[in-house]
Amino acid sequence: MEGVVKKDMWGYEVNTSSDACISAINSYYLQVLSYGRERSVILEAPAHDPNCVLGNILAAHFLCNSDPSLAPPHLHAAKTRLQQATRYEKAVFDANNYLISKDRDDDVAIELFSKLLKDFPRDLASLKRAQVLCFYMARPDLSLELVQQVLPQNTEENYIYGMLAFALLEVGHMEDAEKAAKKGFQINKEDSWVHHDLCHVLQYECRFKEAVEFMENCSSSWDSLSSFMCTHNWWHVALCYLEGNSPIRKVLEVYDHCIWKELERSDAMAAEVYLNAVGLLLRVYVRGELDIFGDRLKILAGCLTDQAFWYLEWHLDVLILWALASTGAFDKGEDLLKGLKYRISRMSKKKQQRLQRGMLLAEALYEYGKGNYKVALDLLGPDFDANYCKIIGASDEQLDIFNEVWYVMLLNTGQAKKAIEVIEMRIKKREGVPFLWRLLERGYSMLGRPEATTVGEKAKHLETAYFT
């Protein structure tokens, strides 16, 4: 049966005689696009057809992210059968083989995916993979270009508008992002990425109650999601409660029952849960509301002393450093800092330059956790903007907490004039956040300025506006 060609769900040709192999590949595509927790289904493809190039290269990519020691046999199988592969399979192989190579250049990887998508624009799983790469390159502009490149061939396809919406919101086009997310929701009301995108927009626009109601109405469809996606969507819900000045117990309930509880599942990916858990606790800490959380930060920090969770994500490493420092685990924090610096020293000059701000942010968060505000501020510099740190692999919403940390440290070190300047600029973009007005009130009060009273009244009004 060698040389039999079948078509995958995009309509592209795959050299295999196995219907079960194609079925596994198609199932994997859907798991990738839906952020499902069954992405291991791709391992069934080479089990049904050990000679299938597409099945093997996709399995190799999956294993490189989950169990790297098992990836080489699949990569070897794909390479040895490459001459028999279809044109589509060769394009997917080229892009993914380079993506998982040890010394890849991200710009070259994006070029390969761009070429793949020009020739095979219906392959939305490859589009998703390319967009993830753009995210970690801090290039939302490239991400938007890629999705716009393939949109004409996919105008009514499932999942395309969630990818479009996220790229749009990351470049600041909130109105267009909301339209795209709503279009995606019309096509598939259970698309968790669309839920996430729309919540991003509503949250940015300070429509907190609307965001919470929308997300909680959608949440019944999240049980099948990966640990990251499920807890990340709940992280957004918790932030909306927090930013909208809901009673802090609501935030605590989300943490306990929707984020931390994920760890009870036998197939939970702990690192993905910890990312959202520690990100939420930092927000609570900055707002001075951590007391109600009892020893939860200490428990989480204890988990994060395990080096198995280090060096997986720069964003997570930055947050771990804060958690370790704020709970007194200085030896572990120093070890993590040294490890990050060593890893950067082994990178190409190009990557070192890209990660320079990320490394400074990591050091600053460690000093902030220790209470060394002056040292932390010196590391961040007088013109700090967290959006310049996107290279750590974080969205604008995830990065915003680092701006808030900076504002608080400015006030804590008596730099009220500078704090007022930057907080006022932020309020122009997000005037519906009570916490920002309280920080501004504090700055005015430190300088004895009469505006403090008016600003305090504005904060009080907002504090009762959303969740009453």
Protein backbone atom coordinates (compact mmCIF):
# COMPACT_ATOMS: atom_id res chain seq x y z
CA MET A 1 0.00 0.00 0.00
CA GLU A 2 3.08 2.27 -0.10
CA GLY A 3 2.45 5.55 -1.91
CA VAL A 4 -1.25 5.82 -1.04
CA VAL A 5 -2.21 9.47 -0.56
CA LYS A 6 -4.97 10.64 1.75
CA LYS A 7 -6.09 14.14 2.72
CA ASP A 8 -6.11 15.72 6.14
CA MET A 9 -8.85 18.04 7.44
CA TRP A 10 -7.35 21.00 5.56
CA GLY A 11 -7.61 19.06 2.30
CA TYR A 12 -3.84 18.68 1.98
CA GLU A 13 -2.22 15.45 0.80
CA VAL A 14 -0.49 13.08 3.21
CA ASN A 15 1.39 9.95 2.16
CA THR A 16 -0.22 7.24 4.28
CA SER A 17 -2.43 4.22 3.79
CA SER A 18 -3.89 4.50 7.29
CA ASP A 19 -7.23 6.15 7.96
CA ALA A 20 -6.45 5.88 11.69
CA CYS A 21 -3.22 7.82 11.17
CA ILE A 22 -5.06 10.65 9.41
CA SER A 23 -7.74 10.61 12.11
CA ALA A 24 -5.12 11.01 14.84
CA ILE A 25 -3.49 13.90 12.95
CA ASN A 26 -6.84 15.64 12.55
CA SER A 27 -7.64 15.13 16.23
CA TYR A 28 -4.30 16.65 17.12
CA TYR A 29 -4.99 19.71 14.98
CA LEU A 30 -8.21 20.28 16.90
CA GLN A 31 -6.50 19.78 20.25
CA VAL A 32 -3.89 22.40 19.34
CA LEU A 33 -6.46 24.92 18.17
CA SER A 34 -8.83 24.37 21.07
CA TYR A 35 -6.11 24.28 23.77
CA GLY A 36 -7.25 20.77 24.61
CA ARG A 37 -5.52 18.55 27.14
CA GLU A 38 -5.36 15.54 24.80
CA ARG A 39 -2.59 16.71 22.49
CA SER A 40 -0.82 13.40 23.07
CA VAL A 41 -3.28 11.95 20.55
CA ILE A 42 -0.65 12.77 17.92
CA LEU A 43 1.41 9.82 19.19
CA GLU A 44 -1.26 7.53 17.75
CA ALA A 45 -0.44 8.69 14.21
CA PRO A 46 3.03 7.07 13.96
CA ALA A 47 1.70 4.08 15.91
CA HIS A 48 -0.78 3.44 13.09
CA ASP A 49 1.73 4.31 10.35
CA PRO A 50 5.41 4.37 11.39
CA ASN A 51 6.36 5.64 7.93
CA CYS A 52 4.12 8.73 7.88
CA VAL A 53 6.35 11.81 7.72
CA LEU A 54 3.63 14.20 8.89
CA GLY A 55 2.63 12.03 11.85
CA ASN A 56 6.24 11.60 12.92
CA ILE A 57 7.32 15.23 12.68
CA LEU A 58 4.24 16.41 14.58
CA ALA A 59 4.86 13.74 17.21
CA ALA A 60 8.50 14.86 17.48
CA HIS A 61 7.43 18.47 17.99
CA PHE A 62 4.92 17.47 20.66
CA LEU A 63 7.47 15.36 22.51
CA CYS A 64 10.13 18.08 22.39
CA ASN A 65 7.79 20.12 24.59
CA SER A 66 6.61 17.27 26.84
CA ASP A 67 9.28 14.53 26.95
CA PRO A 68 12.29 15.47 24.80
CA SER A 69 14.08 12.15 25.29
CA LEU A 70 11.37 10.40 23.26
CA ALA A 71 11.46 12.78 20.29
CA PRO A 72 14.58 11.62 18.35
CA PRO A 73 13.15 8.31 17.01
CA HIS A 74 10.18 10.15 15.50
CA LEU A 75 12.41 12.83 14.03
CA HIS A 76 14.66 10.14 12.52
CA ALA A 77 11.64 8.30 11.07
CA ALA A 78 10.40 11.49 9.44
CA LYS A 79 13.82 12.29 7.95
CA THR A 80 14.39 8.82 6.51
CA ARG A 81 11.03 8.83 4.69
CA LEU A 82 11.19 12.43 3.49
CA GLN A 83 11.70 11.45 -0.15
CA GLN A 84 8.29 9.75 -0.16
CA ALA A 85 6.52 12.67 1.52
CA THR A 86 4.07 14.96 -0.23
CA ARG A 87 4.90 18.59 -0.90
CA TYR A 88 2.74 19.63 2.06
CA GLU A 89 4.42 17.18 4.40
CA LYS A 90 7.86 18.42 3.36
CA ALA A 91 6.85 22.02 4.09
CA VAL A 92 5.53 21.09 7.54
CA PHE A 93 8.66 19.04 8.18
CA ASP A 94 11.00 21.89 7.21
CA ALA A 95 9.27 24.40 9.48
CA ASN A 96 8.88 22.11 12.49
CA ASN A 97 12.27 20.46 12.18
CA TYR A 98 13.91 23.86 12.27
CA LEU A 99 11.64 25.01 15.10
CA ILE A 100 12.86 22.21 17.37
CA SER A 101 16.51 22.47 16.34
CA LYS A 102 18.93 23.35 19.13
CA ASP A 103 20.42 26.54 17.69
CA ARG A 104 17.47 27.93 15.80
CA ASP A 105 17.19 31.55 14.77
CA ASP A 106 13.62 32.64 15.47
CA ASP A 107 13.56 34.99 12.47
CA VAL A 108 14.47 32.09 10.16
CA ALA A 109 11.81 29.92 11.80
CA ILE A 110 9.16 32.55 11.11
CA GLU A 111 10.28 32.78 7.48
CA LEU A 112 9.78 29.02 7.11
CA PHE A 113 6.31 29.16 8.62
CA SER A 114 5.41 32.15 6.48
CA LYS A 115 6.42 30.22 3.36
CA LEU A 116 4.47 27.18 4.54
CA LEU A 117 1.35 29.29 5.08
CA LYS A 118 1.67 31.01 1.70
CA ASP A 119 1.66 27.63 0.00
CA PHE A 120 -0.83 25.97 2.36
CA PRO A 121 -2.96 28.75 3.87
CA ARG A 122 -5.65 26.45 5.27
CA ASP A 123 -3.26 24.85 7.77
CA LEU A 124 -4.47 26.68 10.87
CA ALA A 125 -2.50 24.45 13.23
CA SER A 126 0.72 25.71 11.64
CA LEU A 127 -0.61 29.25 11.87
CA LYS A 128 -1.18 28.73 15.59
CA ARG A 129 2.35 27.40 16.03
CA ALA A 130 3.77 30.39 14.16
CA GLN A 131 1.76 32.81 16.28
CA VAL A 132 3.04 31.21 19.47
CA LEU A 133 6.57 31.73 18.18
CA CYS A 134 5.78 35.37 17.41
CA PHE A 135 4.49 35.75 20.96
CA TYR A 136 7.80 34.60 22.42
CA MET A 137 9.65 36.82 19.98
CA ALA A 138 7.63 39.82 21.21
CA ARG A 139 6.46 40.42 17.63
CA PRO A 140 2.66 40.82 17.64
CA ASP A 141 3.01 42.74 14.38
CA LEU A 142 4.34 39.60 12.66
CA SER A 143 1.59 37.55 14.27
CA LEU A 144 -1.02 39.86 12.78
CA GLU A 145 0.63 39.74 9.35
CA LEU A 146 0.53 35.94 9.34
CA VAL A 147 -3.14 35.65 10.23
CA GLN A 148 -4.09 38.37 7.74
CA GLN A 149 -2.07 36.50 5.12
CA VAL A 150 -4.29 33.40 5.40
CA LEU A 151 -7.60 35.01 6.33
CA PRO A 152 -8.96 35.25 2.74
CA GLN A 153 -8.85 31.45 2.44
CA ASN A 154 -10.42 30.92 5.88
CA THR A 155 -13.14 33.53 6.29
CA GLU A 156 -15.69 31.13 7.79
CA GLU A 157 -13.30 28.70 9.47
CA ASN A 158 -13.38 27.73 13.11
CA TYR A 159 -10.61 29.22 15.31
CA ILE A 160 -9.31 31.76 12.78
CA TYR A 161 -10.98 34.76 14.43
CA GLY A 162 -9.61 33.95 17.86
CA MET A 163 -6.13 34.08 16.38
CA LEU A 164 -6.96 37.32 14.57
CA ALA A 165 -8.44 38.91 17.69
CA PHE A 166 -5.42 38.21 19.88
CA ALA A 167 -3.01 39.63 17.33
CA LEU A 168 -5.15 42.75 17.01
CA LEU A 169 -5.42 43.37 20.73
CA GLU A 170 -1.68 42.87 21.18
CA VAL A 171 -1.02 45.72 18.72
CA GLY A 172 -3.60 47.89 20.45
CA HIS A 173 -6.49 47.63 18.00
CA MET A 174 -9.10 46.90 20.66
CA GLU A 175 -12.20 47.77 18.66
CA ASP A 176 -11.20 45.51 15.77
CA ALA A 177 -10.17 42.80 18.23
CA GLU A 178 -13.61 42.86 19.85
CA LYS A 179 -15.30 42.53 16.44
CA ALA A 180 -13.06 39.60 15.49
CA ALA A 181 -13.65 37.85 18.82
CA LYS A 182 -17.41 38.22 18.48
CA LYS A 183 -17.23 36.82 14.95
CA GLY A 184 -15.31 33.83 16.29
CA PHE A 185 -17.87 33.39 19.07
CA GLN A 186 -20.66 33.27 16.47
CA ILE A 187 -18.84 30.42 14.70
CA ASN A 188 -17.97 28.48 17.87
CA LYS A 189 -19.34 29.48 21.26
CA GLU A 190 -16.93 27.06 22.97
CA ASP A 191 -13.71 28.51 21.54
CA SER A 192 -11.79 29.21 24.75
CA TRP A 193 -9.28 31.45 22.96
CA VAL A 194 -12.12 33.64 21.74
CA HIS A 195 -13.45 33.80 25.31
CA HIS A 196 -9.95 34.83 26.40
CA ASP A 197 -9.63 37.47 23.67
CA LEU A 198 -12.97 39.09 24.41
CA CYS A 199 -12.17 39.16 28.12
CA HIS A 200 -8.87 40.89 27.31
CA VAL A 201 -10.74 43.64 25.49
CA LEU A 202 -13.46 44.07 28.11
CA GLN A 203 -10.87 44.09 30.88
CA TYR A 204 -8.69 46.65 29.14
CA GLU A 205 -11.75 48.87 28.67
CA CYS A 206 -12.65 48.45 32.36
CA ARG A 207 -15.92 46.68 31.58
CA PHE A 208 -15.20 44.36 34.49
CA LYS A 209 -18.69 43.18 35.38
CA GLU A 210 -19.49 42.47 31.73
CA ALA A 211 -16.26 40.50 31.40
CA VAL A 212 -16.94 38.40 34.49
CA GLU A 213 -20.50 37.60 33.45
CA PHE A 214 -19.37 36.61 29.96
CA MET A 215 -16.53 34.41 31.17
CA GLU A 216 -18.50 32.69 33.90
CA ASN A 217 -21.26 31.93 31.40
CA CYS A 218 -18.66 30.31 29.13
CA SER A 219 -16.77 28.48 31.87
CA SER A 220 -18.79 25.25 31.68
CA SER A 221 -16.92 24.46 28.45
CA TRP A 222 -13.44 24.79 30.01
CA ASP A 223 -13.13 21.38 31.69
CA SER A 224 -11.47 19.82 28.64
CA LEU A 225 -8.87 22.58 28.32
CA SER A 226 -5.18 22.30 29.06
CA SER A 227 -4.07 23.30 32.54
CA PHE A 228 -2.75 26.58 31.20
CA MET A 229 -5.82 27.63 29.27
CA CYS A 230 -8.31 26.67 31.96
CA THR A 231 -6.46 28.41 34.78
CA HIS A 232 -5.51 31.36 32.58
CA ASN A 233 -9.11 32.09 31.72
CA TRP A 234 -9.94 31.95 35.43
CA TRP A 235 -6.92 34.20 36.08
CA HIS A 236 -8.60 36.79 33.85
CA VAL A 237 -11.84 36.43 35.80
CA ALA A 238 -9.97 36.93 39.08
CA LEU A 239 -8.24 40.05 37.70
CA CYS A 240 -11.56 41.53 36.67
CA TYR A 241 -12.86 41.01 40.20
CA LEU A 242 -9.67 42.53 41.59
CA GLU A 243 -9.45 45.52 39.27
CA GLY A 244 -13.17 46.19 39.63
CA ASN A 245 -12.78 46.27 43.43
CA SER A 246 -14.98 43.28 44.07
CA PRO A 247 -14.72 41.87 47.62
CA ILE A 248 -11.31 40.17 47.85
CA ARG A 249 -13.00 36.90 48.89
CA LYS A 250 -14.22 36.58 45.29
CA VAL A 251 -10.61 36.59 44.10
CA LEU A 252 -9.73 34.06 46.79
CA GLU A 253 -12.57 31.78 45.66
CA VAL A 254 -11.31 31.81 42.09
CA TYR A 255 -7.76 31.07 43.26
CA ASP A 256 -8.83 28.13 45.41
CA HIS A 257 -11.58 26.56 43.36
CA CYS A 258 -10.62 27.37 39.77
CA ILE A 259 -6.83 27.72 39.68
CA TRP A 260 -5.21 25.79 42.54
CA LYS A 261 -7.86 23.05 42.31
CA GLU A 262 -6.58 22.17 38.83
CA LEU A 263 -3.61 20.50 40.54
CA GLU A 264 -5.96 17.78 41.82
CA ARG A 265 -6.38 16.44 38.30
CA SER A 266 -4.13 13.50 37.50
CA ASP A 267 -3.04 14.98 34.17
CA ALA A 268 -2.52 18.53 35.43
CA MET A 269 0.55 20.39 34.18
CA ALA A 270 1.73 21.99 37.41
CA ALA A 271 3.99 24.63 35.83
CA GLU A 272 1.06 25.97 33.81
CA VAL A 273 -1.02 26.27 36.98
CA TYR A 274 1.80 27.90 38.94
CA LEU A 275 2.24 30.58 36.28
CA ASN A 276 -1.32 31.79 36.72
CA ALA A 277 -1.33 31.27 40.49
CA VAL A 278 1.80 33.28 41.21
CA GLY A 279 0.79 35.95 38.68
CA LEU A 280 -2.47 36.43 40.58
CA LEU A 281 -0.84 36.50 44.01
CA LEU A 282 1.57 39.22 42.87
CA ARG A 283 -1.42 41.36 41.88
CA VAL A 284 -3.03 40.77 45.26
CA TYR A 285 0.24 41.55 47.04
CA VAL A 286 0.75 44.84 45.22
CA ARG A 287 -2.74 45.90 46.27
CA GLY A 288 -2.01 45.08 49.91
CA GLU A 289 -4.70 42.39 50.07
CA LEU A 290 -2.57 39.29 50.65
CA ASP A 291 -3.53 38.77 54.31
CA ILE A 292 -6.83 37.07 53.46
CA PHE A 293 -4.86 34.51 51.41
CA GLY A 294 -3.21 33.21 54.57
CA ASP A 295 -0.18 31.01 53.85
CA ARG A 296 -1.02 30.37 50.20
CA LEU A 297 1.95 32.34 48.89
CA LYS A 298 4.28 30.44 51.21
CA ILE A 299 2.83 27.13 50.02
CA LEU A 300 3.18 28.15 46.38
CA ALA A 301 6.72 29.43 46.88
CA GLY A 302 7.58 26.11 48.50
CA CYS A 303 6.45 24.34 45.34
CA LEU A 304 8.50 26.75 43.25
CA THR A 305 11.75 25.89 45.02
CA ASP A 306 11.65 22.72 42.92
CA GLN A 307 14.09 23.37 40.07
CA ALA A 308 11.97 21.21 37.76
CA PHE A 309 9.84 24.36 37.30
CA TRP A 310 12.75 26.67 36.56
CA TYR A 311 13.89 27.71 33.08
CA LEU A 312 10.65 26.62 31.40
CA GLU A 313 9.31 30.14 30.77
CA TRP A 314 11.06 33.45 31.35
CA HIS A 315 7.79 34.94 32.53
CA LEU A 316 7.40 32.20 35.13
CA ASP A 317 11.04 32.58 36.23
CA VAL A 318 10.51 36.31 36.85
CA LEU A 319 7.47 35.59 38.99
CA ILE A 320 9.22 32.74 40.82
CA LEU A 321 12.04 35.12 41.78
CA TRP A 322 9.52 37.47 43.40
CA ALA A 323 7.79 34.60 45.23
CA LEU A 324 11.08 33.18 46.53
CA ALA A 325 12.35 36.57 47.67
CA SER A 326 9.10 37.63 49.32
CA THR A 327 8.99 34.41 51.35
CA GLY A 328 12.63 34.52 52.40
CA ALA A 329 13.95 31.71 50.18
CA PHE A 330 17.01 33.76 49.25
CA ASP A 331 19.39 30.86 48.61
CA LYS A 332 17.00 29.42 46.03
CA GLY A 333 16.45 32.85 44.53
CA GLU A 334 20.18 33.39 44.11
CA ASP A 335 20.50 29.97 42.48
CA LEU A 336 17.75 30.82 39.99
CA LEU A 337 19.28 34.20 39.18
CA LYS A 338 22.68 32.64 38.59
CA GLY A 339 21.11 30.00 36.37
CA LEU A 340 19.34 32.61 34.26
CA LYS A 341 22.51 34.63 33.82
CA TYR A 342 24.42 31.51 32.83
CA ARG A 343 21.80 30.61 30.23
CA ILE A 344 21.93 34.06 28.73
CA SER A 345 25.74 33.89 28.55
CA ARG A 346 25.42 30.75 26.40
CA MET A 347 23.07 32.40 23.90
CA SER A 348 23.93 34.15 20.66
CA LYS A 349 24.61 37.89 20.87
CA LYS A 350 21.29 38.48 19.13
CA LYS A 351 19.33 36.58 21.78
CA GLN A 352 21.34 38.14 24.58
CA GLN A 353 20.37 41.61 23.38
CA ARG A 354 16.71 40.64 23.11
CA LEU A 355 16.62 39.25 26.65
CA GLN A 356 18.60 42.04 28.31
CA ARG A 357 15.48 43.85 29.54
CA GLY A 358 13.95 40.58 30.64
CA MET A 359 17.00 39.83 32.77
CA LEU A 360 16.89 43.28 34.37
CA LEU A 361 13.21 42.77 35.13
CA ALA A 362 14.00 39.42 36.76
CA GLU A 363 16.67 40.99 38.98
CA ALA A 364 14.36 43.89 39.85
CA LEU A 365 11.49 41.62 40.87
CA TYR A 366 13.86 39.67 43.09
CA GLU A 367 15.00 42.88 44.81
CA TYR A 368 11.38 44.06 45.07
CA GLY A 369 10.46 40.82 46.81
CA LYS A 370 13.30 41.43 49.29
CA GLY A 371 12.07 44.96 49.92
CA ASN A 372 15.08 46.61 48.26
CA TYR A 373 13.03 49.16 46.35
CA LYS A 374 15.86 51.56 45.56
CA VAL A 375 17.98 48.77 44.05
CA ALA A 376 15.01 47.49 42.07
CA LEU A 377 14.24 50.95 40.71
CA ASP A 378 17.84 51.47 39.64
CA LEU A 379 17.66 48.19 37.71
CA LEU A 380 14.45 49.20 35.93
CA GLY A 381 15.62 52.73 35.17
CA PRO A 382 13.76 56.06 35.13
CA ASP A 383 11.88 55.37 31.89
CA PHE A 384 10.62 51.86 32.60
CA ASP A 385 7.72 50.53 30.55
CA ALA A 386 6.77 46.89 31.03
CA ASN A 387 5.72 46.60 27.39
CA TYR A 388 9.40 46.70 26.49
CA CYS A 389 9.73 43.37 28.34
CA LYS A 390 7.41 41.36 26.10
CA ILE A 391 10.34 39.12 25.22
CA ILE A 392 9.77 37.23 28.49
CA GLY A 393 6.67 35.73 26.84
CA ALA A 394 3.81 37.71 28.35
CA SER A 395 0.78 39.56 27.04
CA ASP A 396 0.22 43.26 27.69
CA GLU A 397 -2.22 42.30 30.44
CA GLN A 398 0.31 39.99 32.09
CA LEU A 399 2.99 42.66 31.87
CA ASP A 400 0.87 45.43 33.37
CA ILE A 401 1.53 44.23 36.91
CA PHE A 402 5.20 45.14 36.49
CA ASN A 403 4.19 48.72 35.75
CA GLU A 404 2.12 48.70 38.93
CA VAL A 405 5.11 47.36 40.88
CA TRP A 406 7.15 50.26 39.49
CA TYR A 407 4.51 52.83 40.50
CA VAL A 408 4.38 51.45 44.04
CA MET A 409 8.17 51.43 44.39
CA LEU A 410 8.36 55.04 43.20
CA LEU A 411 5.91 56.02 45.93
CA ASN A 412 7.64 53.86 48.52
CA THR A 413 10.94 55.62 47.84
CA GLY A 414 9.44 59.10 48.00
CA GLN A 415 9.48 59.79 44.25
CA ALA A 416 5.92 61.12 44.28
CA LYS A 417 6.38 63.60 41.43
CA LYS A 418 7.64 60.91 39.04
CA ALA A 419 4.94 58.49 40.22
CA ILE A 420 2.20 61.03 39.57
CA GLU A 421 3.54 61.67 36.07
CA VAL A 422 3.50 58.01 35.00
CA ILE A 423 0.28 57.09 36.80
CA GLU A 424 -1.57 59.99 35.15
CA MET A 425 -0.36 58.74 31.77
CA ARG A 426 -1.66 55.26 32.55
CA ILE A 427 -5.01 56.57 33.75
CA LYS A 428 -5.54 58.25 30.38
CA LYS A 429 -5.63 54.74 28.88
CA ARG A 430 -7.46 52.96 31.72
CA GLU A 431 -9.35 55.54 33.74
CA GLY A 432 -11.75 52.96 35.18
CA VAL A 433 -9.26 51.21 37.47
CA PRO A 434 -9.82 52.30 41.10
CA PHE A 435 -6.37 51.14 42.22
CA LEU A 436 -4.63 53.58 39.87
CA TRP A 437 -6.66 56.46 41.31
CA ARG A 438 -5.73 55.38 44.84
CA LEU A 439 -2.05 55.40 43.88
CA LEU A 440 -2.50 58.85 42.38
CA GLU A 441 -4.25 60.02 45.54
CA ARG A 442 -1.31 58.77 47.56
CA GLY A 443 1.14 60.63 45.35
CA TYR A 444 -0.77 63.91 45.63
CA SER A 445 -1.06 63.48 49.41
CA MET A 446 2.68 62.95 49.72
CA LEU A 447 3.22 66.33 48.05
CA GLY A 448 0.43 68.02 50.00
CA ARG A 449 -1.47 68.84 46.85
CA PRO A 450 -5.21 69.61 47.15
CA GLU A 451 -6.06 67.41 44.15
CA ALA A 452 -5.75 64.43 46.50
CA THR A 453 -9.31 64.99 47.75
CA THR A 454 -10.86 65.02 44.27
CA VAL A 455 -8.85 62.01 43.17
CA GLY A 456 -9.84 60.13 46.32
CA GLU A 457 -13.51 60.82 45.58
CA LYS A 458 -13.03 59.51 42.03
CA ALA A 459 -11.47 56.33 43.40
CA LYS A 460 -14.30 55.88 45.88
CA HIS A 461 -16.89 56.28 43.13
CA LEU A 462 -15.20 53.65 40.97
CA GLU A 463 -14.84 51.28 43.91
CA THR A 464 -18.62 51.08 44.17
CA ALA A 465 -19.35 51.16 40.43
CA TYR A 466 -18.80 47.60 39.26
CA PHE A 467 -19.65 44.94 41.84
CA THR A 468 -22.26 46.16 44.31
